Amino acid sequence: MKRMSVILMICSSANAWAADPVVTPFVVQLQRTANASLCESYKGDRSPMGLAMNKQCRNRAHAEFEEIQDEKPLRDCMKPGNVIDDDVRKCMKGL
């Protein structure tokens, strides 16, 4: 399992392949798949490597969520009492 993780790490860091515009979408999807696979393989691992991977996965997921453009205004998603939480943010993103 750890050998597969090393292979996925190498694939996820292969930005040199992204120089060709034809290959770029493939490389981007390959990196996302490798990152998701690594996050799943280290999920719940309490070793120092596992903790570092879990933190990196959380940061990546947060960054990907922030990249999504808002589809609805805040006024349409706000809860009674003007409460703004994660559910409201997901509503604004259209999720």
PDB file of N, CA and C in Angstrom:
ATOM      1  N   MET A   1       0.819  -1.193   0.000  1.00  0.00           N
ATOM      2  CA  MET A   1       0.000   0.000   0.000  1.00  0.00           C
ATOM      3  C   MET A   1       0.861   1.255   0.000  1.00  0.00           C
ATOM      4  N   LYS A   2       1.940   1.228   0.786  1.00  0.00           N
ATOM      5  CA  LYS A   2       2.815   2.401   0.850  1.00  0.00           C
ATOM      6  C   LYS A   2       3.548   2.602  -0.478  1.00  0.00           C
ATOM      7  N   ARG A   3       3.842   1.506  -1.193  1.00  0.00           N
ATOM      8  CA  ARG A   3       4.495   1.614  -2.495  1.00  0.00           C
ATOM      9  C   ARG A   3       3.578   2.336  -3.473  1.00  0.00           C
ATOM     10  N   MET A   4       2.300   2.014  -3.412  1.00  0.00           N
ATOM     11  CA  MET A   4       1.322   2.679  -4.278  1.00  0.00           C
ATOM     12  C   MET A   4       1.234   4.163  -3.933  1.00  0.00           C
ATOM     13  N   SER A   5       1.346   4.485  -2.647  1.00  0.00           N
ATOM     14  CA  SER A   5       1.318   5.881  -2.230  1.00  0.00           C
ATOM     15  C   SER A   5       2.491   6.658  -2.816  1.00  0.00           C
ATOM     16  N   VAL A   6       3.654   6.031  -2.841  1.00  0.00           N
ATOM     17  CA  VAL A   6       4.844   6.692  -3.402  1.00  0.00           C
ATOM     18  C   VAL A   6       4.641   6.927  -4.899  1.00  0.00           C
ATOM     19  N   ILE A   7       4.087   5.953  -5.590  1.00  0.00           N
ATOM     20  CA  ILE A   7       3.832   6.117  -7.027  1.00  0.00           C
ATOM     21  C   ILE A   7       2.838   7.249  -7.264  1.00  0.00           C
ATOM     22  N   LEU A   8       1.798   7.304  -6.449  1.00  0.00           N
ATOM     23  CA  LEU A   8       0.809   8.377  -6.595  1.00  0.00           C
ATOM     24  C   LEU A   8       1.402   9.735  -6.278  1.00  0.00           C
ATOM     25  N   MET A   9       2.315   9.810  -5.303  1.00  0.00           N
ATOM     26  CA  MET A   9       2.979  11.081  -5.001  1.00  0.00           C
ATOM     27  C   MET A   9       3.788  11.561  -6.198  1.00  0.00           C
ATOM     28  N   ILE A  10       4.480  10.633  -6.834  1.00  0.00           N
ATOM     29  CA  ILE A  10       5.278  11.000  -8.003  1.00  0.00           C
ATOM     30  C   ILE A  10       4.369  11.488  -9.121  1.00  0.00           C
ATOM     31  N   CYS A  11       3.261  10.805  -9.334  1.00  0.00           N
ATOM     32  CA  CYS A  11       2.323  11.222 -10.381  1.00  0.00           C
ATOM     33  C   CYS A  11       1.679  12.562 -10.069  1.00  0.00           C
ATOM     34  N   SER A  12       1.402  12.795  -8.785  1.00  0.00           N
ATOM     35  CA  SER A  12       0.731  14.041  -8.431  1.00  0.00           C
ATOM     36  C   SER A  12       1.660  15.239  -8.524  1.00  0.00           C
ATOM     37  N   SER A  13       2.963  15.009  -8.525  1.00  0.00           N
ATOM     38  CA  SER A  13       3.897  16.122  -8.619  1.00  0.00           C
ATOM     39  C   SER A  13       4.519  16.235 -10.010  1.00  0.00           C
ATOM     40  N   ALA A  14       3.932  15.611 -10.997  1.00  0.00           N
ATOM     41  CA  ALA A  14       4.499  15.601 -12.345  1.00  0.00           C
ATOM     42  C   ALA A  14       3.999  16.793 -13.152  1.00  0.00           C
ATOM     43  N   ASN A  15       4.366  17.986 -12.725  1.00  0.00           N
ATOM     44  CA  ASN A  15       3.928  19.198 -13.418  1.00  0.00           C
ATOM     45  C   ASN A  15       4.660  19.425 -14.732  1.00  0.00           C
ATOM     46  N   ALA A  16       5.753  18.736 -14.958  1.00  0.00           N
ATOM     47  CA  ALA A  16       6.495  18.906 -16.207  1.00  0.00           C
ATOM     48  C   ALA A  16       5.667  18.436 -17.397  1.00  0.00           C
ATOM     49  N   TRP A  17       4.762  17.466 -17.182  1.00  0.00           N
ATOM     50  CA  TRP A  17       3.924  16.975 -18.269  1.00  0.00           C
ATOM     51  C   TRP A  17       2.891  18.012 -18.690  1.00  0.00           C
ATOM     52  N   ALA A  18       2.606  18.972 -17.845  1.00  0.00           N
ATOM     53  CA  ALA A  18       1.536  19.933 -18.105  1.00  0.00           C
ATOM     54  C   ALA A  18       1.968  21.034 -19.076  1.00  0.00           C
ATOM     55  N   ALA A  19       3.171  20.970 -19.625  1.00  0.00           N
ATOM     56  CA  ALA A  19       3.639  22.004 -20.531  1.00  0.00           C
ATOM     57  C   ALA A  19       2.894  21.952 -21.865  1.00  0.00           C
ATOM     58  N   ASP A  20       2.462  20.797 -22.293  1.00  0.00           N
ATOM     59  CA  ASP A  20       1.756  20.633 -23.556  1.00  0.00           C
ATOM     60  C   ASP A  20       0.261  20.921 -23.346  1.00  0.00           C
ATOM     61  N   PRO A  21      -0.332  21.867 -24.096  1.00  0.00           N
ATOM     62  CA  PRO A  21      -1.740  22.207 -23.882  1.00  0.00           C
ATOM     63  C   PRO A  21      -2.706  21.055 -24.138  1.00  0.00           C
ATOM     64  N   VAL A  22      -2.311  20.095 -24.943  1.00  0.00           N
ATOM     65  CA  VAL A  22      -3.181  18.957 -25.212  1.00  0.00           C
ATOM     66  C   VAL A  22      -3.219  18.014 -24.007  1.00  0.00           C
ATOM     67  N   VAL A  23      -2.112  17.913 -23.311  1.00  0.00           N
ATOM     68  CA  VAL A  23      -1.982  16.975 -22.204  1.00  0.00           C
ATOM     69  C   VAL A  23      -2.450  17.590 -20.876  1.00  0.00           C
ATOM     70  N   THR A  24      -2.559  18.898 -20.798  1.00  0.00           N
ATOM     71  CA  THR A  24      -2.864  19.585 -19.545  1.00  0.00           C
ATOM     72  C   THR A  24      -4.124  19.067 -18.856  1.00  0.00           C
ATOM     73  N   PRO A  25      -5.281  18.934 -19.540  1.00  0.00           N
ATOM     74  CA  PRO A  25      -6.461  18.433 -18.823  1.00  0.00           C
ATOM     75  C   PRO A  25      -6.263  17.033 -18.247  1.00  0.00           C
ATOM     76  N   PHE A  26      -5.559  16.199 -18.966  1.00  0.00           N
ATOM     77  CA  PHE A  26      -5.276  14.845 -18.475  1.00  0.00           C
ATOM     78  C   PHE A  26      -4.417  14.893 -17.222  1.00  0.00           C
ATOM     79  N   VAL A  27      -3.391  15.723 -17.229  1.00  0.00           N
ATOM     80  CA  VAL A  27      -2.489  15.824 -16.082  1.00  0.00           C
ATOM     81  C   VAL A  27      -3.223  16.390 -14.871  1.00  0.00           C
ATOM     82  N   VAL A  28      -4.078  17.374 -15.091  1.00  0.00           N
ATOM     83  CA  VAL A  28      -4.849  17.959 -13.991  1.00  0.00           C
ATOM     84  C   VAL A  28      -5.755  16.902 -13.366  1.00  0.00           C
ATOM     85  N   GLN A  29      -6.434  16.132 -14.201  1.00  0.00           N
ATOM     86  CA  GLN A  29      -7.308  15.083 -13.678  1.00  0.00           C
ATOM     87  C   GLN A  29      -6.504  13.988 -12.982  1.00  0.00           C
ATOM     88  N   LEU A  30      -5.339  13.655 -13.521  1.00  0.00           N
ATOM     89  CA  LEU A  30      -4.470  12.659 -12.899  1.00  0.00           C
ATOM     90  C   LEU A  30      -4.013  13.132 -11.520  1.00  0.00           C
ATOM     91  N   GLN A  31      -3.665  14.407 -11.409  1.00  0.00           N
ATOM     92  CA  GLN A  31      -3.240  14.950 -10.119  1.00  0.00           C
ATOM     93  C   GLN A  31      -4.386  14.931  -9.106  1.00  0.00           C
ATOM     94  N   ARG A  32      -5.589  15.298  -9.548  1.00  0.00           N
ATOM     95  CA  ARG A  32      -6.737  15.270  -8.639  1.00  0.00           C
ATOM     96  C   ARG A  32      -7.040  13.856  -8.163  1.00  0.00           C
ATOM     97  N   THR A  33      -6.961  12.899  -9.070  1.00  0.00           N
ATOM     98  CA  THR A  33      -7.215  11.507  -8.707  1.00  0.00           C
ATOM     99  C   THR A  33      -6.148  10.991  -7.745  1.00  0.00           C
ATOM    100  N   ALA A  34      -4.889  11.314  -8.017  1.00  0.00           N
ATOM    101  CA  ALA A  34      -3.802  10.884  -7.134  1.00  0.00           C
ATOM    102  C   ALA A  34      -3.939  11.527  -5.757  1.00  0.00           C
ATOM    103  N   ASN A  35      -4.278  12.811  -5.719  1.00  0.00           N
ATOM    104  CA  ASN A  35      -4.449  13.492  -4.436  1.00  0.00           C
ATOM    105  C   ASN A  35      -5.608  12.896  -3.645  1.00  0.00           C
ATOM    106  N   ALA A  36      -6.719  12.623  -4.318  1.00  0.00           N
ATOM    107  CA  ALA A  36      -7.870  12.025  -3.636  1.00  0.00           C
ATOM    108  C   ALA A  36      -7.525  10.638  -3.110  1.00  0.00           C
ATOM    109  N   SER A  37      -6.781   9.873  -3.886  1.00  0.00           N
ATOM    110  CA  SER A  37      -6.385   8.530  -3.462  1.00  0.00           C
ATOM    111  C   SER A  37      -5.456   8.587  -2.255  1.00  0.00           C
ATOM    112  N   LEU A  38      -4.514   9.524  -2.266  1.00  0.00           N
ATOM    113  CA  LEU A  38      -3.625   9.676  -1.120  1.00  0.00           C
ATOM    114  C   LEU A  38      -4.393  10.108   0.123  1.00  0.00           C
ATOM    115  N   CYS A  39      -5.336  11.013  -0.046  1.00  0.00           N
ATOM    116  CA  CYS A  39      -6.129  11.464   1.101  1.00  0.00           C
ATOM    117  C   CYS A  39      -6.930  10.313   1.693  1.00  0.00           C
ATOM    118  N   GLU A  40      -7.475   9.465   0.838  1.00  0.00           N
ATOM    119  CA  GLU A  40      -8.235   8.311   1.333  1.00  0.00           C
ATOM    120  C   GLU A  40      -7.335   7.292   2.019  1.00  0.00           C
ATOM    121  N   SER A  41      -6.128   7.092   1.496  1.00  0.00           N
ATOM    122  CA  SER A  41      -5.252   6.073   2.073  1.00  0.00           C
ATOM    123  C   SER A  41      -4.704   6.493   3.440  1.00  0.00           C
ATOM    124  N   TYR A  42      -4.563   7.790   3.684  1.00  0.00           N
ATOM    125  CA  TYR A  42      -4.050   8.261   4.967  1.00  0.00           C
ATOM    126  C   TYR A  42      -5.157   8.753   5.902  1.00  0.00           C
ATOM    127  N   LYS A  43      -6.396   8.603   5.521  1.00  0.00           N
ATOM    128  CA  LYS A  43      -7.508   9.071   6.342  1.00  0.00           C
ATOM    129  C   LYS A  43      -7.534   8.303   7.665  1.00  0.00           C
ATOM    130  N   GLY A  44      -7.515   9.027   8.777  1.00  0.00           N
ATOM    131  CA  GLY A  44      -7.549   8.401  10.095  1.00  0.00           C
ATOM    132  C   GLY A  44      -6.205   7.903  10.591  1.00  0.00           C
ATOM    133  N   ASP A  45      -5.147   8.058   9.800  1.00  0.00           N
ATOM    134  CA  ASP A  45      -3.810   7.610  10.205  1.00  0.00           C
ATOM    135  C   ASP A  45      -3.246   8.603  11.221  1.00  0.00           C
ATOM    136  N   ARG A  46      -2.729   8.109  12.318  1.00  0.00           N
ATOM    137  CA  ARG A  46      -2.217   8.969  13.389  1.00  0.00           C
ATOM    138  C   ARG A  46      -0.692   9.068  13.404  1.00  0.00           C
ATOM    139  N   SER A  47      -0.040   8.540  12.385  1.00  0.00           N
ATOM    140  CA  SER A  47       1.415   8.683  12.309  1.00  0.00           C
ATOM    141  C   SER A  47       1.733  10.122  11.910  1.00  0.00           C
ATOM    142  N   PRO A  48       2.972  10.571  12.096  1.00  0.00           N
ATOM    143  CA  PRO A  48       3.312  11.937  11.695  1.00  0.00           C
ATOM    144  C   PRO A  48       3.040  12.207  10.208  1.00  0.00           C
ATOM    145  N   MET A  49       3.333  11.233   9.355  1.00  0.00           N
ATOM    146  CA  MET A  49       3.052  11.383   7.922  1.00  0.00           C
ATOM    147  C   MET A  49       1.548  11.470   7.679  1.00  0.00           C
ATOM    148  N   GLY A  50       0.786  10.641   8.379  1.00  0.00           N
ATOM    149  CA  GLY A  50      -0.662  10.655   8.231  1.00  0.00           C
ATOM    150  C   GLY A  50      -1.271  11.963   8.688  1.00  0.00           C
ATOM    151  N   LEU A  51      -0.785  12.506   9.799  1.00  0.00           N
ATOM    152  CA  LEU A  51      -1.292  13.792  10.289  1.00  0.00           C
ATOM    153  C   LEU A  51      -0.979  14.919   9.312  1.00  0.00           C
ATOM    154  N   ALA A  52       0.229  14.886   8.746  1.00  0.00           N
ATOM    155  CA  ALA A  52       0.603  15.905   7.772  1.00  0.00           C
ATOM    156  C   ALA A  52      -0.254  15.786   6.505  1.00  0.00           C
ATOM    157  N   MET A  53      -0.493  14.557   6.060  1.00  0.00           N
ATOM    158  CA  MET A  53      -1.319  14.356   4.867  1.00  0.00           C
ATOM    159  C   MET A  53      -2.761  14.792   5.113  1.00  0.00           C
ATOM    160  N   ASN A  54      -3.303  14.483   6.299  1.00  0.00           N
ATOM    161  CA  ASN A  54      -4.666  14.884   6.622  1.00  0.00           C
ATOM    162  C   ASN A  54      -4.803  16.399   6.639  1.00  0.00           C
ATOM    163  N   LYS A  55      -3.796  17.086   7.193  1.00  0.00           N
ATOM    164  CA  LYS A  55      -3.830  18.550   7.215  1.00  0.00           C
ATOM    165  C   LYS A  55      -3.763  19.108   5.799  1.00  0.00           C
ATOM    166  N   GLN A  56      -2.899  18.529   4.971  1.00  0.00           N
ATOM    167  CA  GLN A  56      -2.780  18.982   3.591  1.00  0.00           C
ATOM    168  C   GLN A  56      -4.081  18.729   2.821  1.00  0.00           C
ATOM    169  N   CYS A  57      -4.718  17.598   3.068  1.00  0.00           N
ATOM    170  CA  CYS A  57      -5.975  17.281   2.389  1.00  0.00           C
ATOM    171  C   CYS A  57      -7.085  18.247   2.800  1.00  0.00           C
ATOM    172  N   ARG A  58      -7.139  18.579   4.096  1.00  0.00           N
ATOM    173  CA  ARG A  58      -8.133  19.557   4.550  1.00  0.00           C
ATOM    174  C   ARG A  58      -7.900  20.915   3.905  1.00  0.00           C
ATOM    175  N   ASN A  59      -6.636  21.345   3.845  1.00  0.00           N
ATOM    176  CA  ASN A  59      -6.316  22.635   3.230  1.00  0.00           C
ATOM    177  C   ASN A  59      -6.670  22.642   1.740  1.00  0.00           C
ATOM    178  N   ARG A  60      -6.398  21.536   1.051  1.00  0.00           N
ATOM    179  CA  ARG A  60      -6.704  21.446  -0.369  1.00  0.00           C
ATOM    180  C   ARG A  60      -8.215  21.484  -0.600  1.00  0.00           C
ATOM    181  N   ALA A  61      -8.962  20.760   0.226  1.00  0.00           N
ATOM    182  CA  ALA A  61     -10.420  20.745   0.096  1.00  0.00           C
ATOM    183  C   ALA A  61     -10.996  22.129   0.367  1.00  0.00           C
ATOM    184  N   HIS A  62     -10.430  22.824   1.354  1.00  0.00           N
ATOM    185  CA  HIS A  62     -10.898  24.177   1.657  1.00  0.00           C
ATOM    186  C   HIS A  62     -10.595  25.126   0.500  1.00  0.00           C
ATOM    187  N   ALA A  63      -9.419  25.008  -0.085  1.00  0.00           N
ATOM    188  CA  ALA A  63      -9.052  25.874  -1.212  1.00  0.00           C
ATOM    189  C   ALA A  63      -9.934  25.601  -2.429  1.00  0.00           C
ATOM    190  N   GLU A  64     -10.225  24.324  -2.690  1.00  0.00           N
ATOM    191  CA  GLU A  64     -11.104  23.993  -3.815  1.00  0.00           C
ATOM    192  C   GLU A  64     -12.515  24.516  -3.589  1.00  0.00           C
ATOM    193  N   PHE A  65     -12.989  24.477  -2.341  1.00  0.00           N
ATOM    194  CA  PHE A  65     -14.311  24.997  -2.025  1.00  0.00           C
ATOM    195  C   PHE A  65     -14.354  26.512  -2.227  1.00  0.00           C
ATOM    196  N   GLU A  66     -13.286  27.204  -1.832  1.00  0.00           N
ATOM    197  CA  GLU A  66     -13.245  28.663  -1.962  1.00  0.00           C
ATOM    198  C   GLU A  66     -13.153  29.099  -3.426  1.00  0.00           C
ATOM    199  N   GLU A  67     -12.627  28.236  -4.303  1.00  0.00           N
ATOM    200  CA  GLU A  67     -12.515  28.579  -5.727  1.00  0.00           C
ATOM    201  C   GLU A  67     -13.866  28.611  -6.429  1.00  0.00           C
ATOM    202  N   ILE A  68     -14.842  27.896  -5.890  1.00  0.00           N
ATOM    203  CA  ILE A  68     -16.163  27.845  -6.513  1.00  0.00           C
ATOM    204  C   ILE A  68     -16.828  29.209  -6.385  1.00  0.00           C
ATOM    205  N   GLN A  69     -17.342  29.721  -7.491  1.00  0.00           N
ATOM    206  CA  GLN A  69     -17.999  31.024  -7.486  1.00  0.00           C
ATOM    207  C   GLN A  69     -19.375  30.938  -6.837  1.00  0.00           C
ATOM    208  N   ASP A  70     -19.778  32.022  -6.182  1.00  0.00           N
ATOM    209  CA  ASP A  70     -21.109  32.076  -5.581  1.00  0.00           C
ATOM    210  C   ASP A  70     -22.167  32.146  -6.672  1.00  0.00           C
ATOM    211  N   GLU A  71     -23.216  31.328  -6.516  1.00  0.00           N
ATOM    212  CA  GLU A  71     -24.307  31.311  -7.480  1.00  0.00           C
ATOM    213  C   GLU A  71     -25.539  32.044  -6.978  1.00  0.00           C
ATOM    214  N   LYS A  72     -25.699  32.096  -5.655  1.00  0.00           N
ATOM    215  CA  LYS A  72     -26.861  32.744  -5.065  1.00  0.00           C
ATOM    216  C   LYS A  72     -26.391  33.862  -4.142  1.00  0.00           C
ATOM    217  N   PRO A  73     -27.197  34.900  -3.992  1.00  0.00           N
ATOM    218  CA  PRO A  73     -26.820  35.953  -3.042  1.00  0.00           C
ATOM    219  C   PRO A  73     -27.010  35.487  -1.597  1.00  0.00           C
ATOM    220  N   LEU A  74     -26.318  36.139  -0.721  1.00  0.00           N
ATOM    221  CA  LEU A  74     -26.384  35.801   0.700  1.00  0.00           C
ATOM    222  C   LEU A  74     -27.808  35.932   1.231  1.00  0.00           C
ATOM    223  N   ARG A  75     -28.523  36.910   0.777  1.00  0.00           N
ATOM    224  CA  ARG A  75     -29.884  37.173   1.252  1.00  0.00           C
ATOM    225  C   ARG A  75     -30.804  35.970   1.022  1.00  0.00           C
ATOM    226  N   ASP A  76     -30.626  35.263  -0.113  1.00  0.00           N
ATOM    227  CA  ASP A  76     -31.483  34.114  -0.421  1.00  0.00           C
ATOM    228  C   ASP A  76     -31.160  32.890   0.435  1.00  0.00           C
ATOM    229  N   CYS A  77     -29.962  32.812   0.961  1.00  0.00           N
ATOM    230  CA  CYS A  77     -29.531  31.618   1.694  1.00  0.00           C
ATOM    231  C   CYS A  77     -29.502  31.799   3.212  1.00  0.00           C
ATOM    232  N   MET A  78     -29.640  33.017   3.690  1.00  0.00           N
ATOM    233  CA  MET A  78     -29.500  33.291   5.111  1.00  0.00           C
ATOM    234  C   MET A  78     -30.596  32.615   5.933  1.00  0.00           C
ATOM    235  N   LYS A  79     -30.216  32.100   7.083  1.00  0.00           N
ATOM    236  CA  LYS A  79     -31.142  31.429   7.984  1.00  0.00           C
ATOM    237  C   LYS A  79     -31.860  32.460   8.859  1.00  0.00           C
ATOM    238  N   PRO A  80     -32.965  32.054   9.487  1.00  0.00           N
ATOM    239  CA  PRO A  80     -33.651  32.984  10.397  1.00  0.00           C
ATOM    240  C   PRO A  80     -32.726  33.436  11.516  1.00  0.00           C
ATOM    241  N   GLY A  81     -32.834  34.672  11.870  1.00  0.00           N
ATOM    242  CA  GLY A  81     -31.964  35.236  12.899  1.00  0.00           C
ATOM    243  C   GLY A  81     -30.626  35.682  12.349  1.00  0.00           C
ATOM    244  N   ASN A  82     -30.524  35.795  11.023  1.00  0.00           N
ATOM    245  CA  ASN A  82     -29.291  36.237  10.349  1.00  0.00           C
ATOM    246  C   ASN A  82     -28.081  35.371  10.699  1.00  0.00           C
ATOM    247  N   VAL A  83     -28.310  34.057  10.786  1.00  0.00           N
ATOM    248  CA  VAL A  83     -27.235  33.117  11.088  1.00  0.00           C
ATOM    249  C   VAL A  83     -26.526  32.746   9.789  1.00  0.00           C
ATOM    250  N   ILE A  84     -25.209  32.867   9.809  1.00  0.00           N
ATOM    251  CA  ILE A  84     -24.398  32.479   8.648  1.00  0.00           C
ATOM    252  C   ILE A  84     -23.454  31.369   9.101  1.00  0.00           C
ATOM    253  N   ASP A  85     -23.606  30.182   8.520  1.00  0.00           N
ATOM    254  CA  ASP A  85     -22.743  29.057   8.870  1.00  0.00           C
ATOM    255  C   ASP A  85     -22.341  28.326   7.592  1.00  0.00           C
ATOM    256  N   ASP A  86     -21.781  27.127   7.735  1.00  0.00           N
ATOM    257  CA  ASP A  86     -21.315  26.368   6.572  1.00  0.00           C
ATOM    258  C   ASP A  86     -22.452  26.003   5.630  1.00  0.00           C
ATOM    259  N   ASP A  87     -23.642  25.742   6.169  1.00  0.00           N
ATOM    260  CA  ASP A  87     -24.787  25.427   5.308  1.00  0.00           C
ATOM    261  C   ASP A  87     -25.148  26.609   4.420  1.00  0.00           C
ATOM    262  N   VAL A  88     -25.055  27.808   4.960  1.00  0.00           N
ATOM    263  CA  VAL A  88     -25.346  29.008   4.183  1.00  0.00           C
ATOM    264  C   VAL A  88     -24.284  29.186   3.094  1.00  0.00           C
ATOM    265  N   ARG A  89     -23.032  28.947   3.426  1.00  0.00           N
ATOM    266  CA  ARG A  89     -21.959  29.068   2.431  1.00  0.00           C
ATOM    267  C   ARG A  89     -22.132  28.050   1.309  1.00  0.00           C
ATOM    268  N   LYS A  90     -22.523  26.825   1.667  1.00  0.00           N
ATOM    269  CA  LYS A  90     -22.783  25.804   0.634  1.00  0.00           C
ATOM    270  C   LYS A  90     -23.958  26.199  -0.236  1.00  0.00           C
ATOM    271  N   CYS A  91     -24.968  26.779   0.361  1.00  0.00           N
ATOM    272  CA  CYS A  91     -26.133  27.238  -0.406  1.00  0.00           C
ATOM    273  C   CYS A  91     -25.716  28.316  -1.398  1.00  0.00           C
ATOM    274  N   MET A  92     -24.857  29.232  -0.967  1.00  0.00           N
ATOM    275  CA  MET A  92     -24.393  30.300  -1.852  1.00  0.00           C
ATOM    276  C   MET A  92     -23.586  29.738  -3.024  1.00  0.00           C
ATOM    277  N   LYS A  93     -22.831  28.683  -2.775  1.00  0.00           N
ATOM    278  CA  LYS A  93     -22.022  28.062  -3.825  1.00  0.00           C
ATOM    279  C   LYS A  93     -22.861  27.171  -4.745  1.00  0.00           C
ATOM    280  N   GLY A  94     -24.088  26.864  -4.332  1.00  0.00           N
ATOM    281  CA  GLY A  94     -24.952  26.017  -5.151  1.00  0.00           C
ATOM    282  C   GLY A  94     -24.751  24.548  -4.886  1.00  0.00           C
ATOM    283  N   LEU A  95     -24.209  24.187  -3.744  1.00  0.00           N
ATOM    284  CA  LEU A  95     -23.960  22.773  -3.406  1.00  0.00           C
ATOM    285  C   LEU A  95     -25.083  22.207  -2.568  1.00  0.00           C
TER     286      LEU A  95
END
